Amino acid sequence: MVDREAVYIMSDYELCSSKQKITLSKDDKIFYSVINVMLSLIVIMILYPLIFIISSSFSSPDAVSSGRVFLWPVDFSLEGYKAVLSNKSIIIGYRNTIFYTISGTFINVIVTLIAAYPLARRNLPYKGILMFLFTFTMLFSGGMIPTYILIKDLKMINTPWAMIIPGAISVYNMIIARTFIMNNIPDELLEASQLDGCSDTRFFFKIVLPLSKAVIAVITLYYAVGHWNSYFSAFLYLNNKNLYPLQIILRDILIASQFNPEDIIDPEIMSAKIGLADLLKYSLIIVSSLPIIAFYPFIQKYFIKGVMIGSLKG
């Protein structure tokens, strides 16, 4: 008898809820219509520049320079990619950037989690002072020249370590990881593991890390994007072209494609040069951005969860 009443109650509840979903007031319809229009405009504003860049990179130089590219490629051509990829330095740039990104991100994630875990422990002595010292570095730093002198004294000038070690930890990412661990791994779990003879090191590797996959994915993406787009550190610390990251090499290619219009008399040659220079810009954007964009879908399911839990709670 109780089960039937429960079934009747559930069926009535589902019927009422379904009616509420179907019957919307006039104000609700207007509200949702306005929201849908606004979201559609935002999507168009975000997607169109990306589509335009991709279409321009596959168009001919004349179509790009004359402004005939709007949505789809015009006079399909791979000339821009051929000009970029024919440069032998591109392979060196990709090799160096991939090395900096993988090794640098690995060190970043390890150091960040090692710092975040003890700061997430509520019984850590002098926890407030330590957090103040970390957050202080977010507002104040030694400056460019003292940092350069430090890197020079450490013998890291013109070495790959100059691109990896100076930014080994981001305090912002550390705070995200700390908050995530504090709010998602209860102290009772630590106490239960300690009763079974589990050490802090084993608890960190066997329990904390497996339960922190979401935030690890998020900070991994943050660090990887930072390393992939890094170029200013290379300006300061690297003189050897064999150590240049991809961004520096692409910049050199773009500068090499520039010319002085006063040096060219023939209008057709000048128009072709301008078209090729414009085409190179779009091709360089795709070449430099595509690998890191392709990496994002693999961690998308963790991204929103890790950011929201790690940054809003606590």
C-alpha atoms as a PDB file:
ATOM      1  CA  MET A   1       0.000   0.000   0.000  1.00  0.00           C
ATOM      2  CA  VAL A   2       2.808   2.370   0.853  1.00  0.00           C
ATOM      3  CA  ASP A   3       4.604   1.626  -2.397  1.00  0.00           C
ATOM      4  CA  ARG A   4       1.486   2.387  -4.459  1.00  0.00           C
ATOM      5  CA  GLU A   5       0.979   5.701  -2.674  1.00  0.00           C
ATOM      6  CA  ALA A   6       4.584   6.571  -3.308  1.00  0.00           C
ATOM      7  CA  VAL A   7       4.118   5.742  -6.991  1.00  0.00           C
ATOM      8  CA  TYR A   8       0.994   7.897  -7.154  1.00  0.00           C
ATOM      9  CA  ILE A   9       2.768  10.773  -5.440  1.00  0.00           C
ATOM     10  CA  MET A  10       5.750  10.523  -7.809  1.00  0.00           C
ATOM     11  CA  SER A  11       3.490  10.375 -10.863  1.00  0.00           C
ATOM     12  CA  ASP A  12       1.566  13.452  -9.686  1.00  0.00           C
ATOM     13  CA  TYR A  13       4.825  15.273  -8.996  1.00  0.00           C
ATOM     14  CA  GLU A  14       6.195  14.433 -12.429  1.00  0.00           C
ATOM     15  CA  LEU A  15       2.931  15.528 -14.037  1.00  0.00           C
ATOM     16  CA  CYS A  16       3.011  18.858 -12.208  1.00  0.00           C
ATOM     17  CA  SER A  17       6.664  19.420 -13.041  1.00  0.00           C
ATOM     18  CA  SER A  18       6.051  18.597 -16.695  1.00  0.00           C
ATOM     19  CA  LYS A  19       3.174  21.073 -16.786  1.00  0.00           C
ATOM     20  CA  GLN A  20       5.409  23.725 -15.261  1.00  0.00           C
ATOM     21  CA  LYS A  21       8.027  23.145 -17.952  1.00  0.00           C
ATOM     22  CA  ILE A  22       5.488  23.320 -20.766  1.00  0.00           C
ATOM     23  CA  THR A  23       3.409  26.285 -19.616  1.00  0.00           C
ATOM     24  CA  LEU A  24       5.498  29.433 -19.543  1.00  0.00           C
ATOM     25  CA  SER A  25       4.161  32.871 -18.891  1.00  0.00           C
ATOM     26  CA  LYS A  26       4.476  35.636 -21.436  1.00  0.00           C
ATOM     27  CA  ASP A  27       7.200  37.346 -19.399  1.00  0.00           C
ATOM     28  CA  ASP A  28       9.179  34.096 -19.194  1.00  0.00           C
ATOM     29  CA  LYS A  29       8.972  33.624 -22.942  1.00  0.00           C
ATOM     30  CA  ILE A  30      10.228  37.166 -23.534  1.00  0.00           C
ATOM     31  CA  PHE A  31      13.015  36.680 -21.011  1.00  0.00           C
ATOM     32  CA  TYR A  32      14.207  33.396 -22.537  1.00  0.00           C
ATOM     33  CA  SER A  33      13.984  34.842 -26.032  1.00  0.00           C
ATOM     34  CA  VAL A  34      16.165  37.789 -25.065  1.00  0.00           C
ATOM     35  CA  ILE A  35      18.673  35.463 -23.364  1.00  0.00           C
ATOM     36  CA  ASN A  36      18.817  33.190 -26.414  1.00  0.00           C
ATOM     37  CA  VAL A  37      19.394  36.154 -28.726  1.00  0.00           C
ATOM     38  CA  MET A  38      22.151  37.543 -26.497  1.00  0.00           C
ATOM     39  CA  LEU A  39      23.880  34.158 -26.232  1.00  0.00           C
ATOM     40  CA  SER A  40      23.650  33.688 -30.000  1.00  0.00           C
ATOM     41  CA  LEU A  41      25.258  37.087 -30.581  1.00  0.00           C
ATOM     42  CA  ILE A  42      28.037  36.292 -28.118  1.00  0.00           C
ATOM     43  CA  VAL A  43      28.703  32.962 -29.853  1.00  0.00           C
ATOM     44  CA  ILE A  44      28.846  34.697 -33.233  1.00  0.00           C
ATOM     45  CA  MET A  45      31.204  37.377 -31.880  1.00  0.00           C
ATOM     46  CA  ILE A  46      33.537  34.673 -30.565  1.00  0.00           C
ATOM     47  CA  LEU A  47      33.381  32.232 -33.462  1.00  0.00           C
ATOM     48  CA  TYR A  48      33.517  34.622 -36.410  1.00  0.00           C
ATOM     49  CA  PRO A  49      37.082  35.907 -35.810  1.00  0.00           C
ATOM     50  CA  LEU A  50      38.269  32.300 -35.502  1.00  0.00           C
ATOM     51  CA  ILE A  51      36.491  31.282 -38.691  1.00  0.00           C
ATOM     52  CA  PHE A  52      37.824  34.365 -40.486  1.00  0.00           C
ATOM     53  CA  ILE A  53      41.420  33.586 -39.474  1.00  0.00           C
ATOM     54  CA  ILE A  54      41.115  29.958 -40.608  1.00  0.00           C
ATOM     55  CA  SER A  55      39.484  30.949 -43.902  1.00  0.00           C
ATOM     56  CA  SER A  56      42.072  33.646 -44.576  1.00  0.00           C
ATOM     57  CA  SER A  57      44.941  31.243 -43.923  1.00  0.00           C
ATOM     58  CA  PHE A  58      43.600  28.940 -46.666  1.00  0.00           C
ATOM     59  CA  SER A  59      42.932  31.734 -49.175  1.00  0.00           C
ATOM     60  CA  SER A  60      45.180  33.248 -51.816  1.00  0.00           C
ATOM     61  CA  PRO A  61      47.299  36.330 -51.028  1.00  0.00           C
ATOM     62  CA  ASP A  62      45.297  38.450 -53.496  1.00  0.00           C
ATOM     63  CA  ALA A  63      42.005  37.504 -51.855  1.00  0.00           C
ATOM     64  CA  VAL A  64      43.342  38.349 -48.413  1.00  0.00           C
ATOM     65  CA  SER A  65      44.898  41.691 -49.385  1.00  0.00           C
ATOM     66  CA  SER A  66      41.796  42.775 -51.346  1.00  0.00           C
ATOM     67  CA  GLY A  67      39.471  41.924 -48.442  1.00  0.00           C
ATOM     68  CA  ARG A  68      37.388  39.371 -50.373  1.00  0.00           C
ATOM     69  CA  VAL A  69      37.516  36.804 -47.573  1.00  0.00           C
ATOM     70  CA  PHE A  70      34.408  36.981 -45.419  1.00  0.00           C
ATOM     71  CA  LEU A  71      33.381  33.536 -44.188  1.00  0.00           C
ATOM     72  CA  TRP A  72      34.792  30.819 -46.474  1.00  0.00           C
ATOM     73  CA  PRO A  73      38.227  30.540 -48.134  1.00  0.00           C
ATOM     74  CA  VAL A  74      38.523  32.385 -51.450  1.00  0.00           C
ATOM     75  CA  ASP A  75      40.798  30.919 -54.152  1.00  0.00           C
ATOM     76  CA  PHE A  76      41.880  28.044 -51.920  1.00  0.00           C
ATOM     77  CA  SER A  77      45.643  28.070 -51.421  1.00  0.00           C
ATOM     78  CA  LEU A  78      48.278  26.610 -49.107  1.00  0.00           C
ATOM     79  CA  GLU A  79      50.854  29.224 -49.983  1.00  0.00           C
ATOM     80  CA  GLY A  80      50.881  30.712 -46.496  1.00  0.00           C
ATOM     81  CA  TYR A  81      51.520  27.362 -44.819  1.00  0.00           C
ATOM     82  CA  LYS A  82      54.173  26.473 -47.395  1.00  0.00           C
ATOM     83  CA  ALA A  83      55.989  29.741 -46.689  1.00  0.00           C
ATOM     84  CA  VAL A  84      55.854  29.120 -42.932  1.00  0.00           C
ATOM     85  CA  LEU A  85      56.690  25.427 -42.885  1.00  0.00           C
ATOM     86  CA  SER A  86      59.462  25.741 -45.484  1.00  0.00           C
ATOM     87  CA  ASN A  87      61.531  27.573 -42.877  1.00  0.00           C
ATOM     88  CA  LYS A  88      63.892  25.047 -41.290  1.00  0.00           C
ATOM     89  CA  SER A  89      63.761  26.871 -37.968  1.00  0.00           C
ATOM     90  CA  ILE A  90      60.099  25.886 -37.515  1.00  0.00           C
ATOM     91  CA  ILE A  91      61.091  22.307 -36.640  1.00  0.00           C
ATOM     92  CA  ILE A  92      63.610  23.606 -34.098  1.00  0.00           C
ATOM     93  CA  GLY A  93      60.992  25.924 -32.632  1.00  0.00           C
ATOM     94  CA  TYR A  94      58.424  23.155 -32.302  1.00  0.00           C
ATOM     95  CA  ARG A  95      60.988  20.845 -30.718  1.00  0.00           C
ATOM     96  CA  ASN A  96      62.066  23.421 -28.161  1.00  0.00           C
ATOM     97  CA  THR A  97      58.538  24.570 -27.341  1.00  0.00           C
ATOM     98  CA  ILE A  98      57.289  21.013 -26.875  1.00  0.00           C
ATOM     99  CA  PHE A  99      60.219  20.298 -24.561  1.00  0.00           C
ATOM    100  CA  TYR A 100      59.668  23.503 -22.572  1.00  0.00           C
ATOM    101  CA  THR A 101      55.937  22.842 -22.341  1.00  0.00           C
ATOM    102  CA  ILE A 102      56.119  19.195 -21.251  1.00  0.00           C
ATOM    103  CA  SER A 103      59.037  19.468 -18.843  1.00  0.00           C
ATOM    104  CA  GLY A 104      58.011  22.871 -17.514  1.00  0.00           C
ATOM    105  CA  THR A 105      54.392  21.838 -16.954  1.00  0.00           C
ATOM    106  CA  PHE A 106      55.481  18.645 -15.174  1.00  0.00           C
ATOM    107  CA  ILE A 107      57.703  20.620 -12.788  1.00  0.00           C
ATOM    108  CA  ASN A 108      54.991  23.260 -12.313  1.00  0.00           C
ATOM    109  CA  VAL A 109      52.308  20.743 -11.370  1.00  0.00           C
ATOM    110  CA  ILE A 110      54.579  18.825  -8.978  1.00  0.00           C
ATOM    111  CA  VAL A 111      55.810  21.951  -7.179  1.00  0.00           C
ATOM    112  CA  THR A 112      52.315  23.452  -7.024  1.00  0.00           C
ATOM    113  CA  LEU A 113      50.745  20.355  -5.486  1.00  0.00           C
ATOM    114  CA  ILE A 114      53.616  19.903  -3.033  1.00  0.00           C
ATOM    115  CA  ALA A 115      53.040  23.470  -1.840  1.00  0.00           C
ATOM    116  CA  ALA A 116      49.224  23.273  -1.918  1.00  0.00           C
ATOM    117  CA  TYR A 117      48.801  20.079   0.108  1.00  0.00           C
ATOM    118  CA  PRO A 118      50.446  21.188   3.393  1.00  0.00           C
ATOM    119  CA  LEU A 119      48.769  24.605   3.139  1.00  0.00           C
ATOM    120  CA  ALA A 120      45.429  22.804   2.855  1.00  0.00           C
ATOM    121  CA  ARG A 121      46.024  21.105   6.221  1.00  0.00           C
ATOM    122  CA  ARG A 122      44.156  23.036   8.906  1.00  0.00           C
ATOM    123  CA  ASN A 123      46.670  22.088  11.618  1.00  0.00           C
ATOM    124  CA  LEU A 124      49.728  23.400   9.761  1.00  0.00           C
ATOM    125  CA  PRO A 125      51.835  25.606  12.103  1.00  0.00           C
ATOM    126  CA  TYR A 126      52.289  29.234  10.985  1.00  0.00           C
ATOM    127  CA  LYS A 127      49.879  28.661   8.141  1.00  0.00           C
ATOM    128  CA  GLY A 128      48.767  32.303   8.043  1.00  0.00           C
ATOM    129  CA  ILE A 129      52.343  33.585   7.807  1.00  0.00           C
ATOM    130  CA  LEU A 130      53.190  31.160   5.011  1.00  0.00           C
ATOM    131  CA  MET A 131      50.101  32.133   3.018  1.00  0.00           C
ATOM    132  CA  PHE A 132      50.984  35.809   3.478  1.00  0.00           C
ATOM    133  CA  LEU A 133      54.477  35.190   2.093  1.00  0.00           C
ATOM    134  CA  PHE A 134      53.039  33.404  -0.936  1.00  0.00           C
ATOM    135  CA  THR A 135      50.396  36.027  -1.680  1.00  0.00           C
ATOM    136  CA  PHE A 136      52.915  38.843  -1.137  1.00  0.00           C
ATOM    137  CA  THR A 137      54.811  37.666  -4.214  1.00  0.00           C
ATOM    138  CA  MET A 138      51.663  38.128  -6.305  1.00  0.00           C
ATOM    139  CA  LEU A 139      51.822  41.888  -5.683  1.00  0.00           C
ATOM    140  CA  PHE A 140      55.540  42.597  -5.406  1.00  0.00           C
ATOM    141  CA  SER A 141      58.575  41.172  -7.184  1.00  0.00           C
ATOM    142  CA  GLY A 142      62.258  41.941  -7.473  1.00  0.00           C
ATOM    143  CA  GLY A 143      61.944  43.394 -10.967  1.00  0.00           C
ATOM    144  CA  MET A 144      63.408  42.529 -14.348  1.00  0.00           C
ATOM    145  CA  ILE A 145      67.045  43.501 -13.753  1.00  0.00           C
ATOM    146  CA  PRO A 146      67.443  41.764 -10.346  1.00  0.00           C
ATOM    147  CA  THR A 147      65.792  38.675 -11.804  1.00  0.00           C
ATOM    148  CA  TYR A 148      68.176  38.707 -14.765  1.00  0.00           C
ATOM    149  CA  ILE A 149      71.168  39.038 -12.426  1.00  0.00           C
ATOM    150  CA  LEU A 150      69.876  36.113 -10.366  1.00  0.00           C
ATOM    151  CA  ILE A 151      69.435  33.923 -13.453  1.00  0.00           C
ATOM    152  CA  LYS A 152      72.931  34.897 -14.607  1.00  0.00           C
ATOM    153  CA  ASP A 153      74.491  34.082 -11.226  1.00  0.00           C
ATOM    154  CA  LEU A 154      72.750  30.695 -11.310  1.00  0.00           C
ATOM    155  CA  LYS A 155      74.458  29.972 -14.683  1.00  0.00           C
ATOM    156  CA  MET A 156      71.127  29.537 -16.463  1.00  0.00           C
ATOM    157  CA  ILE A 157      71.622  32.119 -19.218  1.00  0.00           C
ATOM    158  CA  ASN A 158      71.433  30.459 -22.645  1.00  0.00           C
ATOM    159  CA  THR A 159      70.199  27.181 -21.158  1.00  0.00           C
ATOM    160  CA  PRO A 160      66.752  25.527 -21.356  1.00  0.00           C
ATOM    161  CA  TRP A 161      66.425  25.861 -17.572  1.00  0.00           C
ATOM    162  CA  ALA A 162      65.990  29.616 -17.957  1.00  0.00           C
ATOM    163  CA  MET A 163      62.633  28.879 -19.610  1.00  0.00           C
ATOM    164  CA  ILE A 164      61.506  26.402 -16.952  1.00  0.00           C
ATOM    165  CA  ILE A 165      62.849  27.093 -13.467  1.00  0.00           C
ATOM    166  CA  PRO A 166      62.073  30.835 -12.909  1.00  0.00           C
ATOM    167  CA  GLY A 167      58.314  30.231 -13.190  1.00  0.00           C
ATOM    168  CA  ALA A 168      58.241  26.891 -11.408  1.00  0.00           C
ATOM    169  CA  ILE A 169      55.146  27.837  -9.391  1.00  0.00           C
ATOM    170  CA  SER A 170      52.202  30.154  -9.834  1.00  0.00           C
ATOM    171  CA  VAL A 171      50.722  31.319  -6.545  1.00  0.00           C
ATOM    172  CA  TYR A 172      47.336  31.743  -8.212  1.00  0.00           C
ATOM    173  CA  ASN A 173      47.293  28.107  -9.323  1.00  0.00           C
ATOM    174  CA  MET A 174      48.599  27.021  -5.938  1.00  0.00           C
ATOM    175  CA  ILE A 175      45.671  28.749  -4.210  1.00  0.00           C
ATOM    176  CA  ILE A 176      43.227  27.021  -6.568  1.00  0.00           C
ATOM    177  CA  ALA A 177      44.770  23.615  -5.799  1.00  0.00           C
ATOM    178  CA  ARG A 178      44.905  24.357  -2.059  1.00  0.00           C
ATOM    179  CA  THR A 179      41.231  25.359  -1.923  1.00  0.00           C
ATOM    180  CA  PHE A 180      40.221  22.301  -3.929  1.00  0.00           C
ATOM    181  CA  ILE A 181      42.075  19.930  -1.593  1.00  0.00           C
ATOM    182  CA  MET A 182      40.756  21.695   1.501  1.00  0.00           C
ATOM    183  CA  ASN A 183      37.112  21.455   0.414  1.00  0.00           C
ATOM    184  CA  ASN A 184      37.067  18.032  -1.238  1.00  0.00           C
ATOM    185  CA  ILE A 185      39.362  15.876   0.886  1.00  0.00           C
ATOM    186  CA  PRO A 186      38.041  15.830   4.478  1.00  0.00           C
ATOM    187  CA  ASP A 187      40.276  15.593   7.533  1.00  0.00           C
ATOM    188  CA  GLU A 188      38.388  12.445   8.579  1.00  0.00           C
ATOM    189  CA  LEU A 189      39.882  10.668   5.589  1.00  0.00           C
ATOM    190  CA  LEU A 190      43.369  11.566   6.787  1.00  0.00           C
ATOM    191  CA  GLU A 191      42.596  10.458  10.332  1.00  0.00           C
ATOM    192  CA  ALA A 192      41.232   7.116   9.117  1.00  0.00           C
ATOM    193  CA  SER A 193      44.325   6.522   6.987  1.00  0.00           C
ATOM    194  CA  GLN A 194      46.624   7.393   9.889  1.00  0.00           C
ATOM    195  CA  LEU A 195      44.856   4.819  12.076  1.00  0.00           C
ATOM    196  CA  ASP A 196      45.780   2.234   9.445  1.00  0.00           C
ATOM    197  CA  GLY A 197      49.430   3.345   9.585  1.00  0.00           C
ATOM    198  CA  CYS A 198      49.442   5.493   6.438  1.00  0.00           C
ATOM    199  CA  SER A 199      52.158   8.158   6.319  1.00  0.00           C
ATOM    200  CA  ASP A 200      51.643  11.677   4.990  1.00  0.00           C
ATOM    201  CA  THR A 201      53.666  10.894   1.860  1.00  0.00           C
ATOM    202  CA  ARG A 202      51.636   7.799   1.066  1.00  0.00           C
ATOM    203  CA  PHE A 203      48.386   9.628   1.807  1.00  0.00           C
ATOM    204  CA  PHE A 204      49.429  12.375  -0.630  1.00  0.00           C
ATOM    205  CA  PHE A 205      50.290  10.011  -3.484  1.00  0.00           C
ATOM    206  CA  LYS A 206      47.655   7.324  -2.923  1.00  0.00           C
ATOM    207  CA  ILE A 207      44.644   9.401  -1.890  1.00  0.00           C
ATOM    208  CA  VAL A 208      45.103  13.134  -2.485  1.00  0.00           C
ATOM    209  CA  LEU A 209      46.395  12.947  -6.055  1.00  0.00           C
ATOM    210  CA  PRO A 210      43.792  10.462  -7.366  1.00  0.00           C
ATOM    211  CA  LEU A 211      40.988  12.557  -5.840  1.00  0.00           C
ATOM    212  CA  SER A 212      42.401  15.782  -7.311  1.00  0.00           C
ATOM    213  CA  LYS A 213      42.287  14.876 -11.002  1.00  0.00           C
ATOM    214  CA  ALA A 214      39.954  17.772 -11.818  1.00  0.00           C
ATOM    215  CA  VAL A 215      42.144  20.509 -10.386  1.00  0.00           C
ATOM    216  CA  ILE A 216      45.305  18.845 -11.709  1.00  0.00           C
ATOM    217  CA  ALA A 217      43.820  18.963 -15.213  1.00  0.00           C
ATOM    218  CA  VAL A 218      42.979  22.638 -14.806  1.00  0.00           C
ATOM    219  CA  ILE A 219      46.375  23.792 -13.571  1.00  0.00           C
ATOM    220  CA  THR A 220      48.045  21.576 -16.184  1.00  0.00           C
ATOM    221  CA  LEU A 221      46.173  23.451 -18.904  1.00  0.00           C
ATOM    222  CA  TYR A 222      47.043  26.823 -17.368  1.00  0.00           C
ATOM    223  CA  TYR A 223      50.739  25.988 -17.141  1.00  0.00           C
ATOM    224  CA  ALA A 224      50.888  24.354 -20.579  1.00  0.00           C
ATOM    225  CA  VAL A 225      49.306  27.375 -22.291  1.00  0.00           C
ATOM    226  CA  GLY A 226      51.705  29.667 -20.440  1.00  0.00           C
ATOM    227  CA  HIS A 227      54.757  27.704 -21.560  1.00  0.00           C
ATOM    228  CA  TRP A 228      53.501  27.345 -25.126  1.00  0.00           C
ATOM    229  CA  ASN A 229      52.950  31.103 -25.501  1.00  0.00           C
ATOM    230  CA  SER A 230      56.063  32.142 -23.587  1.00  0.00           C
ATOM    231  CA  TYR A 231      58.400  34.416 -25.522  1.00  0.00           C
ATOM    232  CA  PHE A 232      59.509  37.262 -23.241  1.00  0.00           C
ATOM    233  CA  SER A 233      61.741  34.998 -21.142  1.00  0.00           C
ATOM    234  CA  ALA A 234      63.454  33.872 -24.341  1.00  0.00           C
ATOM    235  CA  PHE A 235      64.122  37.525 -25.230  1.00  0.00           C
ATOM    236  CA  LEU A 236      65.853  38.042 -21.905  1.00  0.00           C
ATOM    237  CA  TYR A 237      67.732  34.809 -21.299  1.00  0.00           C
ATOM    238  CA  LEU A 238      68.411  33.162 -24.685  1.00  0.00           C
ATOM    239  CA  ASN A 239      70.893  34.165 -27.384  1.00  0.00           C
ATOM    240  CA  ASN A 240      71.329  30.783 -29.027  1.00  0.00           C
ATOM    241  CA  LYS A 241      68.881  30.351 -31.928  1.00  0.00           C
ATOM    242  CA  ASN A 242      68.905  26.577 -31.415  1.00  0.00           C
ATOM    243  CA  LEU A 243      67.153  27.182 -28.073  1.00  0.00           C
ATOM    244  CA  TYR A 244      64.529  29.623 -29.347  1.00  0.00           C
ATOM    245  CA  PRO A 245      60.897  28.636 -28.725  1.00  0.00           C
ATOM    246  CA  LEU A 246      58.357  28.579 -31.523  1.00  0.00           C
ATOM    247  CA  GLN A 247      56.945  32.023 -30.739  1.00  0.00           C
ATOM    248  CA  ILE A 248      60.313  33.747 -31.262  1.00  0.00           C
ATOM    249  CA  ILE A 249      60.905  31.951 -34.554  1.00  0.00           C
ATOM    250  CA  LEU A 250      57.421  32.830 -35.827  1.00  0.00           C
ATOM    251  CA  ARG A 251      58.089  36.443 -34.874  1.00  0.00           C
ATOM    252  CA  ASP A 252      61.329  36.393 -36.870  1.00  0.00           C
ATOM    253  CA  ILE A 253      59.489  34.977 -39.893  1.00  0.00           C
ATOM    254  CA  LEU A 254      56.862  37.706 -39.641  1.00  0.00           C
ATOM    255  CA  ILE A 255      59.508  40.442 -39.387  1.00  0.00           C
ATOM    256  CA  ALA A 256      61.388  38.980 -42.361  1.00  0.00           C
ATOM    257  CA  SER A 257      58.231  39.211 -44.463  1.00  0.00           C
ATOM    258  CA  GLN A 258      57.948  42.970 -43.891  1.00  0.00           C
ATOM    259  CA  PHE A 259      59.281  45.360 -46.522  1.00  0.00           C
ATOM    260  CA  ASN A 260      59.599  49.040 -47.286  1.00  0.00           C
ATOM    261  CA  PRO A 261      57.059  50.095 -49.977  1.00  0.00           C
ATOM    262  CA  GLU A 262      59.461  52.812 -51.175  1.00  0.00           C
ATOM    263  CA  ASP A 263      61.944  50.139 -52.277  1.00  0.00           C
ATOM    264  CA  ILE A 264      59.445  48.534 -54.684  1.00  0.00           C
ATOM    265  CA  ILE A 265      58.461  50.359 -57.861  1.00  0.00           C
ATOM    266  CA  ASP A 266      56.267  47.753 -59.550  1.00  0.00           C
ATOM    267  CA  PRO A 267      52.698  47.976 -58.106  1.00  0.00           C
ATOM    268  CA  GLU A 268      51.998  44.305 -58.873  1.00  0.00           C
ATOM    269  CA  ILE A 269      55.051  43.135 -56.950  1.00  0.00           C
ATOM    270  CA  MET A 270      54.151  45.407 -54.045  1.00  0.00           C
ATOM    271  CA  SER A 271      50.567  44.080 -54.012  1.00  0.00           C
ATOM    272  CA  ALA A 272      51.840  40.491 -53.998  1.00  0.00           C
ATOM    273  CA  LYS A 273      54.243  41.280 -51.138  1.00  0.00           C
ATOM    274  CA  ILE A 274      51.467  42.888 -49.097  1.00  0.00           C
ATOM    275  CA  GLY A 275      49.147  39.926 -49.718  1.00  0.00           C
ATOM    276  CA  LEU A 276      51.800  37.409 -48.719  1.00  0.00           C
ATOM    277  CA  ALA A 277      52.625  39.368 -45.548  1.00  0.00           C
ATOM    278  CA  ASP A 278      48.940  39.456 -44.563  1.00  0.00           C
ATOM    279  CA  LEU A 279      48.552  35.767 -45.379  1.00  0.00           C
ATOM    280  CA  LEU A 280      51.554  34.885 -43.231  1.00  0.00           C
ATOM    281  CA  LYS A 281      49.947  36.541 -40.208  1.00  0.00           C
ATOM    282  CA  TYR A 282      46.923  34.239 -40.339  1.00  0.00           C
ATOM    283  CA  SER A 283      48.985  31.148 -41.119  1.00  0.00           C
ATOM    284  CA  LEU A 284      51.307  31.886 -38.195  1.00  0.00           C
ATOM    285  CA  ILE A 285      48.327  32.191 -35.844  1.00  0.00           C
ATOM    286  CA  ILE A 286      47.053  28.748 -36.879  1.00  0.00           C
ATOM    287  CA  VAL A 287      50.486  27.114 -36.731  1.00  0.00           C
ATOM    288  CA  SER A 288      51.185  28.480 -33.257  1.00  0.00           C
ATOM    289  CA  SER A 289      47.722  27.923 -31.756  1.00  0.00           C
ATOM    290  CA  LEU A 290      46.476  24.637 -33.222  1.00  0.00           C
ATOM    291  CA  PRO A 291      48.490  22.198 -31.035  1.00  0.00           C
ATOM    292  CA  ILE A 292      47.448  23.759 -27.734  1.00  0.00           C
ATOM    293  CA  ILE A 293      43.828  24.105 -28.885  1.00  0.00           C
ATOM    294  CA  ALA A 294      43.790  20.402 -29.810  1.00  0.00           C
ATOM    295  CA  PHE A 295      44.920  19.587 -26.257  1.00  0.00           C
ATOM    296  CA  TYR A 296      41.926  21.274 -24.619  1.00  0.00           C
ATOM    297  CA  PRO A 297      39.129  18.736 -25.460  1.00  0.00           C
ATOM    298  CA  PHE A 298      40.960  15.980 -23.590  1.00  0.00           C
ATOM    299  CA  ILE A 299      40.590  17.798 -20.260  1.00  0.00           C
ATOM    300  CA  GLN A 300      37.354  19.686 -20.917  1.00  0.00           C
ATOM    301  CA  LYS A 301      35.311  17.435 -18.631  1.00  0.00           C
ATOM    302  CA  TYR A 302      37.570  18.333 -15.698  1.00  0.00           C
ATOM    303  CA  PHE A 303      37.974  22.005 -16.523  1.00  0.00           C
ATOM    304  CA  ILE A 304      34.719  23.545 -15.244  1.00  0.00           C
ATOM    305  CA  LYS A 305      34.576  21.308 -12.188  1.00  0.00           C
ATOM    306  CA  GLY A 306      38.153  22.047 -11.179  1.00  0.00           C
ATOM    307  CA  VAL A 307      37.907  25.803 -11.638  1.00  0.00           C
ATOM    308  CA  MET A 308      34.566  26.250  -9.894  1.00  0.00           C
ATOM    309  CA  ILE A 309      35.324  24.034  -6.903  1.00  0.00           C
ATOM    310  CA  GLY A 310      38.876  25.221  -6.550  1.00  0.00           C
ATOM    311  CA  SER A 311      38.205  28.936  -6.786  1.00  0.00           C
ATOM    312  CA  LEU A 312      34.761  29.628  -5.357  1.00  0.00           C
ATOM    313  CA  LYS A 313      34.548  27.488  -2.256  1.00  0.00           C
ATOM    314  CA  GLY A 314      36.252  28.306   0.995  1.00  0.00           C
END
